[in-house]
Amino acid sequence: MLAPKGKPHCIIALFATLAGLVNFQEAYSNSYPNTAYFSFRNYINESYIARGVVNGMPEWIFTWVWSLVLNIWFIGLLFGVFCTPYMTDNYGRKFSLVLANIVSLIGTILCTAAIAIKMPELLFFGRIVASSSCGVSFITLILFLQVNNK
């Protein structure tokens, strides 16, 4: 269905699409949260004020929470990288790549929902889900391209 069948322009389009989809989460996770620091601080504080914490989250706690939200990405990514051999050996490269991208989409939906319902814990969980699938996607894409390019 989506096989390029040896046509160079189709191969380039397929690789460009896969590279863009697989690498989007990594680029987003490194650039966007750091530029929106004050927005995230307001978001987290407002969520705690809505739960009954009178003055919101103290600055020192926010610093720890913010560091955790930013850096959990790399822990999830590492987990995904270590899961990749199991997935590719048992389910195949193509299925693992498709599954990882679906799970990444689910993680992104969780992060979006977390912002909408003002629930930072869901944002944290969504980032773990998305980053784990990114770890699988990165390695699986390399394996997929090496085997299918021969």
C-alpha atoms as a PDB file:
ATOM      1  CA  MET A   1       0.000   0.000   0.000  1.00  0.00           C
ATOM      2  CA  LEU A   2       2.630   2.558   1.040  1.00  0.00           C
ATOM      3  CA  ALA A   3       5.625   0.703  -0.377  1.00  0.00           C
ATOM      4  CA  PRO A   4       7.749   2.960  -2.608  1.00  0.00           C
ATOM      5  CA  LYS A   5       8.427   0.070  -5.058  1.00  0.00           C
ATOM      6  CA  GLY A   6      11.888   1.371  -6.030  1.00  0.00           C
ATOM      7  CA  LYS A   7      10.746   4.839  -7.133  1.00  0.00           C
ATOM      8  CA  PRO A   8      13.336   7.345  -5.826  1.00  0.00           C
ATOM      9  CA  HIS A   9      10.868  10.191  -5.257  1.00  0.00           C
ATOM     10  CA  CYS A  10       8.551   7.875  -3.308  1.00  0.00           C
ATOM     11  CA  ILE A  11      11.450   6.589  -1.194  1.00  0.00           C
ATOM     12  CA  ILE A  12      12.567  10.138  -0.373  1.00  0.00           C
ATOM     13  CA  ALA A  13       8.995  11.169   0.476  1.00  0.00           C
ATOM     14  CA  LEU A  14       8.526   8.109   2.711  1.00  0.00           C
ATOM     15  CA  PHE A  15      11.820   8.663   4.560  1.00  0.00           C
ATOM     16  CA  ALA A  16      11.142  12.392   4.983  1.00  0.00           C
ATOM     17  CA  THR A  17       7.680  11.681   6.373  1.00  0.00           C
ATOM     18  CA  LEU A  18       8.955   9.035   8.788  1.00  0.00           C
ATOM     19  CA  ALA A  19      11.865  11.226   9.917  1.00  0.00           C
ATOM     20  CA  GLY A  20       9.520  14.155  10.541  1.00  0.00           C
ATOM     21  CA  LEU A  21       6.977  12.104  12.465  1.00  0.00           C
ATOM     22  CA  VAL A  22       9.529  10.250  14.561  1.00  0.00           C
ATOM     23  CA  ASN A  23      11.691  13.264  15.420  1.00  0.00           C
ATOM     24  CA  PHE A  24       8.912  15.785  16.086  1.00  0.00           C
ATOM     25  CA  GLN A  25       8.408  14.762  19.714  1.00  0.00           C
ATOM     26  CA  GLU A  26      12.113  15.066  20.527  1.00  0.00           C
ATOM     27  CA  ALA A  27      12.399  18.524  18.996  1.00  0.00           C
ATOM     28  CA  TYR A  28       9.201  19.676  20.683  1.00  0.00           C
ATOM     29  CA  SER A  29      10.188  18.347  24.086  1.00  0.00           C
ATOM     30  CA  ASN A  30      13.495  20.208  23.989  1.00  0.00           C
ATOM     31  CA  SER A  31      12.341  23.542  22.638  1.00  0.00           C
ATOM     32  CA  TYR A  32       8.771  24.390  23.599  1.00  0.00           C
ATOM     33  CA  PRO A  33       8.676  23.886  27.388  1.00  0.00           C
ATOM     34  CA  ASN A  34      11.762  26.020  27.944  1.00  0.00           C
ATOM     35  CA  THR A  35      10.320  28.939  25.987  1.00  0.00           C
ATOM     36  CA  ALA A  36       6.999  28.748  27.817  1.00  0.00           C
ATOM     37  CA  TYR A  37       8.348  28.655  31.377  1.00  0.00           C
ATOM     38  CA  PHE A  38       6.051  31.375  32.738  1.00  0.00           C
ATOM     39  CA  SER A  39       2.980  29.906  31.040  1.00  0.00           C
ATOM     40  CA  PHE A  40       3.679  26.515  32.585  1.00  0.00           C
ATOM     41  CA  ARG A  41       4.284  28.103  35.981  1.00  0.00           C
ATOM     42  CA  ASN A  42       0.888  29.809  35.782  1.00  0.00           C
ATOM     43  CA  TYR A  43      -0.736  26.600  34.544  1.00  0.00           C
ATOM     44  CA  ILE A  44       0.639  24.527  37.422  1.00  0.00           C
ATOM     45  CA  ASN A  45      -0.117  27.193  40.035  1.00  0.00           C
ATOM     46  CA  GLU A  46      -3.673  27.702  38.773  1.00  0.00           C
ATOM     47  CA  SER A  47      -4.294  23.954  38.870  1.00  0.00           C
ATOM     48  CA  TYR A  48      -3.227  23.802  42.519  1.00  0.00           C
ATOM     49  CA  ILE A  49      -5.218  26.920  43.436  1.00  0.00           C
ATOM     50  CA  ALA A  50      -8.293  25.318  41.828  1.00  0.00           C
ATOM     51  CA  ARG A  51      -7.713  22.268  44.058  1.00  0.00           C
ATOM     52  CA  GLY A  52      -7.768  24.401  47.201  1.00  0.00           C
ATOM     53  CA  VAL A  53      -4.093  25.225  47.785  1.00  0.00           C
ATOM     54  CA  VAL A  54      -4.548  28.890  48.727  1.00  0.00           C
ATOM     55  CA  ASN A  55      -1.356  30.480  47.378  1.00  0.00           C
ATOM     56  CA  GLY A  56      -0.558  27.857  44.785  1.00  0.00           C
ATOM     57  CA  MET A  57       2.700  25.996  44.715  1.00  0.00           C
ATOM     58  CA  PRO A  58       5.721  27.511  46.505  1.00  0.00           C
ATOM     59  CA  GLU A  59       8.587  28.508  44.196  1.00  0.00           C
ATOM     60  CA  TRP A  60      11.016  25.889  45.522  1.00  0.00           C
ATOM     61  CA  ILE A  61       8.509  23.078  44.952  1.00  0.00           C
ATOM     62  CA  PHE A  62       7.721  24.422  41.484  1.00  0.00           C
ATOM     63  CA  THR A  63      11.434  24.317  40.630  1.00  0.00           C
ATOM     64  CA  TRP A  64      11.539  20.608  41.474  1.00  0.00           C
ATOM     65  CA  VAL A  65       8.283  19.841  39.670  1.00  0.00           C
ATOM     66  CA  TRP A  66       9.406  21.802  36.602  1.00  0.00           C
ATOM     67  CA  SER A  67      12.751  19.977  36.533  1.00  0.00           C
ATOM     68  CA  LEU A  68      10.940  16.663  36.805  1.00  0.00           C
ATOM     69  CA  VAL A  69       8.501  17.532  34.001  1.00  0.00           C
ATOM     70  CA  LEU A  70      11.366  18.558  31.706  1.00  0.00           C
ATOM     71  CA  ASN A  71      13.745  15.716  32.499  1.00  0.00           C
ATOM     72  CA  ILE A  72      11.287  12.828  32.647  1.00  0.00           C
ATOM     73  CA  TRP A  73      11.461  12.890  28.851  1.00  0.00           C
ATOM     74  CA  PHE A  74      14.965  11.453  28.846  1.00  0.00           C
ATOM     75  CA  ILE A  75      14.149   8.749  31.386  1.00  0.00           C
ATOM     76  CA  GLY A  76      11.206   7.643  29.245  1.00  0.00           C
ATOM     77  CA  LEU A  77      13.357   7.811  26.119  1.00  0.00           C
ATOM     78  CA  LEU A  78      15.949   5.555  27.743  1.00  0.00           C
ATOM     79  CA  PHE A  79      13.214   3.104  28.760  1.00  0.00           C
ATOM     80  CA  GLY A  80      11.946   3.043  25.167  1.00  0.00           C
ATOM     81  CA  VAL A  81      15.429   2.440  23.790  1.00  0.00           C
ATOM     82  CA  PHE A  82      15.833  -0.590  26.066  1.00  0.00           C
ATOM     83  CA  CYS A  83      12.401  -1.939  25.025  1.00  0.00           C
ATOM     84  CA  THR A  84      13.224  -1.685  21.313  1.00  0.00           C
ATOM     85  CA  PRO A  85      15.131  -4.984  20.893  1.00  0.00           C
ATOM     86  CA  TYR A  86      12.278  -6.932  22.476  1.00  0.00           C
ATOM     87  CA  MET A  87       9.666  -5.241  20.309  1.00  0.00           C
ATOM     88  CA  THR A  88      11.537  -5.513  17.013  1.00  0.00           C
ATOM     89  CA  ASP A  89      12.536  -9.136  17.615  1.00  0.00           C
ATOM     90  CA  ASN A  90       9.049 -10.263  18.636  1.00  0.00           C
ATOM     91  CA  TYR A  91       6.790  -8.016  16.544  1.00  0.00           C
ATOM     92  CA  GLY A  92       8.942  -6.896  13.615  1.00  0.00           C
ATOM     93  CA  ARG A  93      10.346  -3.525  12.638  1.00  0.00           C
ATOM     94  CA  LYS A  94       7.383  -2.184  10.700  1.00  0.00           C
ATOM     95  CA  PHE A  95       4.799  -3.102  13.329  1.00  0.00           C
ATOM     96  CA  SER A  96       7.025  -1.719  16.116  1.00  0.00           C
ATOM     97  CA  LEU A  97       7.447   1.567  14.258  1.00  0.00           C
ATOM     98  CA  VAL A  98       3.719   1.922  13.618  1.00  0.00           C
ATOM     99  CA  LEU A  99       2.877   0.962  17.205  1.00  0.00           C
ATOM    100  CA  ALA A 100       5.434   3.409  18.611  1.00  0.00           C
ATOM    101  CA  ASN A 101       3.965   6.233  16.542  1.00  0.00           C
ATOM    102  CA  ILE A 102       0.437   5.372  17.689  1.00  0.00           C
ATOM    103  CA  VAL A 103       1.579   5.335  21.325  1.00  0.00           C
ATOM    104  CA  SER A 104       3.357   8.650  20.737  1.00  0.00           C
ATOM    105  CA  LEU A 105       0.100  10.102  19.444  1.00  0.00           C
ATOM    106  CA  ILE A 106      -1.690   8.826  22.553  1.00  0.00           C
ATOM    107  CA  GLY A 107       0.971  10.451  24.746  1.00  0.00           C
ATOM    108  CA  THR A 108       0.517  13.727  22.882  1.00  0.00           C
ATOM    109  CA  ILE A 109      -3.254  13.528  23.327  1.00  0.00           C
ATOM    110  CA  LEU A 110      -2.745  12.940  27.067  1.00  0.00           C
ATOM    111  CA  CYS A 111      -0.480  16.006  27.278  1.00  0.00           C
ATOM    112  CA  THR A 112      -3.025  18.112  25.404  1.00  0.00           C
ATOM    113  CA  ALA A 113      -5.844  16.878  27.632  1.00  0.00           C
ATOM    114  CA  ALA A 114      -3.738  17.645  30.717  1.00  0.00           C
ATOM    115  CA  ILE A 115      -3.505  21.281  29.671  1.00  0.00           C
ATOM    116  CA  ALA A 116      -7.232  21.478  28.928  1.00  0.00           C
ATOM    117  CA  ILE A 117      -8.333  19.961  32.257  1.00  0.00           C
ATOM    118  CA  LYS A 118      -5.535  21.608  34.296  1.00  0.00           C
ATOM    119  CA  MET A 119      -4.017  18.396  35.582  1.00  0.00           C
ATOM    120  CA  PRO A 120      -0.179  18.557  35.657  1.00  0.00           C
ATOM    121  CA  GLU A 121       0.111  14.927  36.753  1.00  0.00           C
ATOM    122  CA  LEU A 122      -1.471  13.839  33.472  1.00  0.00           C
ATOM    123  CA  LEU A 123       1.015  16.043  31.606  1.00  0.00           C
ATOM    124  CA  PHE A 124       3.831  14.241  33.410  1.00  0.00           C
ATOM    125  CA  PHE A 125       2.362  10.821  32.558  1.00  0.00           C
ATOM    126  CA  GLY A 126       1.732  11.843  28.940  1.00  0.00           C
ATOM    127  CA  ARG A 127       5.367  12.902  28.580  1.00  0.00           C
ATOM    128  CA  ILE A 128       6.520   9.507  29.885  1.00  0.00           C
ATOM    129  CA  VAL A 129       4.273   7.701  27.385  1.00  0.00           C
ATOM    130  CA  ALA A 130       5.339   9.889  24.450  1.00  0.00           C
ATOM    131  CA  SER A 131       9.038   9.722  25.296  1.00  0.00           C
ATOM    132  CA  SER A 132       9.025   5.945  25.714  1.00  0.00           C
ATOM    133  CA  SER A 133       7.498   5.555  22.282  1.00  0.00           C
ATOM    134  CA  CYS A 134      10.040   8.016  20.869  1.00  0.00           C
ATOM    135  CA  GLY A 135      12.855   5.812  22.131  1.00  0.00           C
ATOM    136  CA  VAL A 136      11.333   2.865  20.307  1.00  0.00           C
ATOM    137  CA  SER A 137      10.714   4.963  17.178  1.00  0.00           C
ATOM    138  CA  PHE A 138      14.262   6.300  16.964  1.00  0.00           C
ATOM    139  CA  ILE A 139      15.949   2.922  17.060  1.00  0.00           C
ATOM    140  CA  THR A 140      13.300   1.095  15.044  1.00  0.00           C
ATOM    141  CA  LEU A 141      13.412   3.695  12.274  1.00  0.00           C
ATOM    142  CA  ILE A 142      17.163   3.230  11.943  1.00  0.00           C
ATOM    143  CA  LEU A 143      16.735  -0.557  11.748  1.00  0.00           C
ATOM    144  CA  PHE A 144      13.824  -0.208   9.326  1.00  0.00           C
ATOM    145  CA  LEU A 145      15.783   2.082   6.997  1.00  0.00           C
ATOM    146  CA  GLN A 146      18.896  -0.118   7.069  1.00  0.00           C
ATOM    147  CA  VAL A 147      17.037  -3.287   6.141  1.00  0.00           C
ATOM    148  CA  ASN A 148      14.654  -1.740   3.604  1.00  0.00           C
ATOM    149  CA  ASN A 149      17.373   0.289   1.898  1.00  0.00           C
ATOM    150  CA  LYS A 150      19.344  -2.773   0.740  1.00  0.00           C
END
